[in-house]
Amino acid sequence: MSQPLHLLVIGDPYMPVSAYTGALAGLGGGVAVTTMEIPDISAAPPRTESEHRLAEYVGDPADVARAAVGQDVLIVHGAPVSSEVLDAGRSSSCAAPAAAR
């Protein structure tokens, strides 16, 4: 049996994890879903060169990088996706920004 695809969904005050529930429900057993909720609209000040290039975000890139360890796919709305976040995921990582409908 193959390993499941590890998917991290990061919600924020504008688009909480609950907004993804319907779409995630149909993914089946081939996907292992982990969630993280950014509780408020504050943003940690940038610390790395990559973080300085982020135009707009909520939360702390270091928290997102810790949560991304071992994940294959990131689904985010306002969470910061820095080089450090992508490096923390698996080599085949993909980041998918979500847009509110």
Protein backbone atom coordinates (compact mmCIF):
# COMPACT_ATOMS: atom_id res chain seq x y z
CA MET A 1 0.00 0.00 0.00
CA SER A 2 1.35 3.44 -0.91
CA GLN A 3 1.82 6.27 1.53
CA PRO A 4 -1.00 8.82 1.72
CA LEU A 5 -0.49 12.31 0.39
CA HIS A 6 0.13 14.58 3.40
CA LEU A 7 -1.87 17.78 3.08
CA LEU A 8 -1.66 20.76 5.46
CA VAL A 9 -4.56 23.21 5.46
CA ILE A 10 -3.90 26.52 7.19
CA GLY A 11 -6.90 28.65 8.05
CA ASP A 12 -6.96 32.27 9.15
CA PRO A 13 -9.59 34.76 10.38
CA TYR A 14 -10.61 35.57 6.80
CA MET A 15 -10.85 31.94 5.61
CA PRO A 16 -10.89 29.50 8.53
CA VAL A 17 -10.20 25.78 8.20
CA SER A 18 -13.97 25.21 8.36
CA ALA A 19 -14.27 26.89 4.93
CA TYR A 20 -12.37 23.95 3.43
CA THR A 21 -14.44 21.21 5.09
CA GLY A 22 -16.65 20.42 2.10
CA ALA A 23 -13.78 20.11 -0.34
CA LEU A 24 -11.66 18.05 2.04
CA ALA A 25 -14.49 15.62 2.84
CA GLY A 26 -14.33 14.08 -0.64
CA LEU A 27 -10.60 13.37 -0.68
CA GLY A 28 -10.85 9.85 0.73
CA GLY A 29 -8.29 7.66 2.44
CA GLY A 30 -5.40 8.43 0.12
CA VAL A 31 -4.92 11.79 1.82
CA ALA A 32 -3.83 12.53 5.39
CA VAL A 33 -5.11 16.00 6.31
CA THR A 34 -3.54 18.12 9.04
CA THR A 35 -4.89 21.55 9.94
CA MET A 36 -3.54 24.69 11.53
CA GLU A 37 -5.54 27.79 12.43
CA ILE A 38 -3.96 31.26 12.55
CA PRO A 39 -6.04 32.91 15.30
CA ASP A 40 -5.74 36.61 14.46
CA ILE A 41 -4.69 39.04 11.76
CA SER A 42 -1.36 40.03 13.28
CA ALA A 43 1.80 39.22 11.37
CA ALA A 44 5.21 38.49 12.85
CA PRO A 45 7.87 40.86 11.53
CA PRO A 46 10.00 39.35 8.75
CA ARG A 47 13.26 37.76 9.92
CA THR A 48 14.72 36.21 6.79
CA GLU A 49 15.41 37.48 3.28
CA SER A 50 12.59 35.32 1.97
CA GLU A 51 10.13 36.68 4.54
CA HIS A 52 11.06 40.26 3.56
CA ARG A 53 9.86 39.45 0.02
CA LEU A 54 6.37 38.46 1.22
CA ALA A 55 3.94 41.25 0.35
CA GLU A 56 1.10 40.46 2.75
CA TYR A 57 0.40 37.71 5.27
CA VAL A 58 -1.02 36.86 8.68
CA GLY A 59 0.67 34.74 11.31
CA ASP A 60 4.27 33.77 11.86
CA PRO A 61 6.30 32.18 9.05
CA ALA A 62 8.27 30.16 11.64
CA ASP A 63 5.04 28.57 12.94
CA VAL A 64 4.00 27.72 9.39
CA ALA A 65 7.43 26.23 8.64
CA ARG A 66 7.20 24.00 11.73
CA ALA A 67 3.72 22.82 10.70
CA ALA A 68 4.88 22.16 7.11
CA VAL A 69 7.52 19.59 8.08
CA GLY A 70 6.74 16.34 6.25
CA GLN A 71 3.78 17.76 4.30
CA ASP A 72 3.38 17.25 0.54
CA VAL A 73 0.81 19.97 -0.12
CA LEU A 74 0.00 23.27 1.61
CA ILE A 75 -3.37 24.95 1.17
CA VAL A 76 -3.35 28.49 2.51
CA HIS A 77 -5.19 31.76 2.24
CA GLY A 78 -3.27 34.40 4.19
CA ALA A 79 -0.53 32.27 5.78
CA PRO A 80 3.04 33.18 4.88
CA VAL A 81 4.70 30.78 2.43
CA SER A 82 8.38 31.67 2.58
CA SER A 83 11.34 29.73 1.21
CA GLU A 84 11.76 28.28 4.69
CA VAL A 85 8.19 26.96 4.62
CA LEU A 86 8.73 25.29 1.26
CA ASP A 87 12.04 23.85 2.41
CA ALA A 88 10.33 22.32 5.46
CA GLY A 89 7.92 20.31 3.29
CA ARG A 90 8.80 17.22 1.32
CA SER A 91 10.80 17.56 -1.87
CA SER A 92 7.63 17.34 -3.99
CA SER A 93 5.85 20.13 -2.08
CA CYS A 94 3.18 22.24 -3.67
CA ALA A 95 1.62 25.37 -2.20
CA ALA A 96 -1.93 26.17 -3.27
CA PRO A 97 -3.32 29.57 -2.32
CA ALA A 98 -7.08 29.50 -1.81
CA ALA A 99 -9.37 32.27 -2.90
CA ALA A 100 -12.67 33.01 -1.22
CA ARG A 101 -15.70 32.56 -3.44
